Amino acid sequence: MNLFAVIKRVDFKNILKGVLIGLSRPHFILPTIKATKDCIAISTKNYGKLHHKNGPANAFRHAFWNYLIAKRCFKWQRNEEIALAWAKKVTDWHEDSFPNKVLPKKMDLHNNEVGRYIFRQHPEKSENEIVELLNKMALESIKIDEYTSLSEFKNRMVHIL
């Protein structure tokens, strides 16, 4: 991940917002960066480049990313709600800072929430067990379109392609 390439894609307002988010919980910055890198590596290992498309592999990546951020930050501050709120804040910031079309953004936000739900349900499971669980959930992911009500698929992964 090239930091300068990322910075070039984000406007100044969102860079500032990201810095302020980081300053609100500086002890979560390193676990979040490590979770992000590990998530990309594991997604690539399991799905190749497919996780960059809007299919089930992408649903896996978003859910696993949120799970990993919450899990890794929970180790630093043994408060589940704070870790989950941080994961939401960081990943919502990402969706706002790297604009996407409406449906892919809804899909990403939905799958992010699925990952946080999985952390709530299984905080004691190992990361490998969660990868297995999320791979299974990705296979059962629901294809959506702009007319789909995502509330019908609470706690289930969704995809477009």
Protein backbone atom coordinates (compact mmCIF):
# COMPACT_ATOMS: atom_id res chain seq x y z
CA MET A 1 0.00 0.00 0.00
CA ASN A 2 1.64 3.22 -1.18
CA LEU A 3 0.79 5.99 1.30
CA PHE A 4 1.45 8.78 -1.20
CA ALA A 5 -0.84 7.21 -3.82
CA VAL A 6 -3.59 6.98 -1.20
CA ILE A 7 -3.10 10.59 -0.09
CA LYS A 8 -3.35 11.79 -3.71
CA ARG A 9 -6.82 10.17 -4.00
CA VAL A 10 -8.25 11.84 -0.88
CA ASP A 11 -9.19 15.51 -0.61
CA PHE A 12 -7.74 17.69 2.16
CA LYS A 13 -10.97 17.75 4.21
CA ASN A 14 -11.03 13.95 4.40
CA ILE A 15 -7.31 13.74 5.17
CA LEU A 16 -7.89 16.12 8.08
CA LYS A 17 -10.91 14.12 9.22
CA GLY A 18 -8.81 10.92 9.10
CA VAL A 19 -6.07 12.54 11.17
CA LEU A 20 -8.62 13.69 13.75
CA ILE A 21 -10.14 10.20 13.90
CA GLY A 22 -6.67 8.77 14.50
CA LEU A 23 -5.89 11.31 17.20
CA SER A 24 -9.11 10.36 19.01
CA ARG A 25 -7.70 6.86 19.66
CA PRO A 26 -3.99 6.85 18.78
CA HIS A 27 -3.47 3.42 20.37
CA PHE A 28 -5.81 1.97 17.70
CA ILE A 29 -3.85 3.30 14.70
CA LEU A 30 -1.25 0.51 14.46
CA PRO A 31 -3.70 -2.37 15.05
CA THR A 32 -5.98 -0.85 12.39
CA ILE A 33 -3.17 -0.55 9.85
CA LYS A 34 -2.03 -4.13 10.59
CA ALA A 35 -5.63 -5.40 10.34
CA THR A 36 -6.01 -3.65 6.99
CA LYS A 37 -2.80 -5.15 5.57
CA ASP A 38 -3.63 -8.62 6.88
CA CYS A 39 -7.16 -8.39 5.52
CA ILE A 40 -5.89 -7.56 2.03
CA ALA A 41 -3.31 -10.39 2.18
CA ILE A 42 -5.85 -12.98 3.38
CA SER A 43 -8.46 -11.80 0.85
CA THR A 44 -5.89 -12.08 -1.94
CA LYS A 45 -4.80 -15.53 -0.72
CA ASN A 46 -8.43 -16.74 -0.71
CA TYR A 47 -9.82 -14.94 -3.76
CA GLY A 48 -6.97 -13.51 -5.85
CA LYS A 49 -7.91 -10.17 -7.39
CA LEU A 50 -11.65 -10.96 -7.25
CA HIS A 51 -11.93 -9.16 -3.91
CA HIS A 52 -11.44 -5.87 -5.80
CA LYS A 53 -14.69 -6.46 -7.76
CA ASN A 54 -18.21 -6.11 -6.34
CA GLY A 55 -18.84 -9.84 -5.90
CA PRO A 56 -18.87 -12.25 -2.96
CA ALA A 57 -15.08 -11.93 -2.54
CA ASN A 58 -15.50 -8.19 -1.96
CA ALA A 59 -18.26 -8.91 0.56
CA PHE A 60 -15.84 -11.22 2.37
CA ARG A 61 -13.11 -8.56 2.38
CA HIS A 62 -15.34 -5.83 3.83
CA ALA A 63 -16.80 -8.08 6.52
CA PHE A 64 -13.39 -9.50 7.45
CA TRP A 65 -11.82 -6.03 7.53
CA ASN A 66 -14.38 -4.79 10.07
CA TYR A 67 -14.11 -7.97 12.11
CA LEU A 68 -10.29 -7.71 12.16
CA ILE A 69 -10.21 -4.05 13.14
CA ALA A 70 -12.62 -4.70 16.02
CA LYS A 71 -10.76 -7.84 17.13
CA ARG A 72 -7.30 -6.27 17.01
CA CYS A 73 -8.40 -3.04 18.75
CA PHE A 74 -10.28 -5.02 21.41
CA LYS A 75 -6.90 -6.46 22.46
CA TRP A 76 -5.70 -2.92 23.25
CA GLN A 77 -8.80 -1.79 25.12
CA ARG A 78 -10.97 -4.58 26.48
CA ASN A 79 -14.21 -2.81 25.62
CA GLU A 80 -16.21 -4.37 22.82
CA GLU A 81 -18.40 -1.32 22.16
CA ILE A 82 -15.41 1.02 21.84
CA ALA A 83 -13.65 -1.38 19.46
CA LEU A 84 -16.80 -1.76 17.35
CA ALA A 85 -17.45 1.99 17.29
CA TRP A 86 -13.85 2.54 16.13
CA ALA A 87 -14.19 -0.05 13.35
CA LYS A 88 -17.37 1.67 12.17
CA LYS A 89 -15.85 5.14 12.36
CA VAL A 90 -12.73 4.13 10.38
CA THR A 91 -14.54 2.15 7.70
CA ASP A 92 -17.31 4.75 7.31
CA TRP A 93 -14.55 7.36 6.88
CA HIS A 94 -13.01 5.16 4.19
CA GLU A 95 -16.32 4.92 2.30
CA ASP A 96 -16.76 8.71 2.47
CA SER A 97 -13.15 9.48 1.54
CA PHE A 98 -12.93 7.13 -1.45
CA PRO A 99 -16.24 7.82 -3.20
CA ASN A 100 -18.05 4.98 -4.87
CA LYS A 101 -21.29 4.74 -6.81
CA VAL A 102 -24.44 4.55 -4.69
CA LEU A 103 -25.11 0.80 -4.86
CA PRO A 104 -21.51 -0.34 -4.28
CA LYS A 105 -21.27 2.06 -1.33
CA LYS A 106 -24.48 0.65 0.18
CA MET A 107 -23.15 -2.86 -0.37
CA ASP A 108 -19.82 -2.02 1.29
CA LEU A 109 -21.47 -0.36 4.30
CA HIS A 110 -23.82 -3.34 4.68
CA ASN A 111 -20.99 -5.88 4.55
CA ASN A 112 -18.96 -3.76 6.98
CA GLU A 113 -21.83 -4.06 9.44
CA VAL A 114 -21.92 -7.83 8.89
CA GLY A 115 -18.27 -8.01 9.94
CA ARG A 116 -18.96 -6.07 13.12
CA TYR A 117 -21.96 -8.34 13.82
CA ILE A 118 -19.70 -11.39 13.46
CA PHE A 119 -17.26 -9.90 15.97
CA ARG A 120 -20.14 -9.31 18.42
CA GLN A 121 -21.31 -12.91 18.01
CA HIS A 122 -17.88 -14.59 18.06
CA PRO A 123 -15.30 -12.46 19.91
CA GLU A 124 -13.58 -15.58 21.27
CA LYS A 125 -13.09 -17.38 17.94
CA SER A 126 -9.73 -17.42 16.23
CA GLU A 127 -9.14 -15.39 13.08
CA ASN A 128 -8.78 -18.64 11.11
CA GLU A 129 -12.19 -19.82 12.33
CA ILE A 130 -13.68 -16.48 11.28
CA VAL A 131 -12.08 -16.75 7.82
CA GLU A 132 -13.79 -20.14 7.42
CA LEU A 133 -17.12 -18.74 8.63
CA LEU A 134 -16.93 -15.67 6.36
CA ASN A 135 -15.89 -17.79 3.36
CA LYS A 136 -19.02 -19.88 3.90
CA MET A 137 -21.12 -16.73 4.26
CA ALA A 138 -19.60 -15.32 1.05
CA LEU A 139 -20.71 -18.47 -0.80
CA GLU A 140 -24.25 -17.75 0.43
CA SER A 141 -24.03 -14.03 -0.35
CA ILE A 142 -27.18 -12.47 -1.84
CA LYS A 143 -27.04 -10.70 -5.19
CA ILE A 144 -28.66 -7.27 -4.95
CA ASP A 145 -29.64 -4.44 -7.25
CA GLU A 146 -30.78 -0.84 -6.74
CA TYR A 147 -34.31 -2.02 -5.85
CA THR A 148 -33.20 -4.39 -3.09
CA SER A 149 -34.04 -3.49 0.48
CA LEU A 150 -30.89 -4.34 2.39
CA SER A 151 -32.82 -4.51 5.65
CA GLU A 152 -34.18 -7.85 4.39
CA PHE A 153 -30.67 -9.29 4.55
CA LYS A 154 -29.52 -8.13 7.96
CA ASN A 155 -26.41 -10.07 9.06
CA ARG A 156 -26.02 -11.67 5.60
CA MET A 157 -23.43 -10.67 3.05
CA VAL A 158 -24.56 -9.08 -0.20
CA HIS A 159 -22.91 -8.52 -3.58
CA ILE A 160 -23.64 -6.91 -6.95
CA LEU A 161 -21.72 -8.98 -9.52
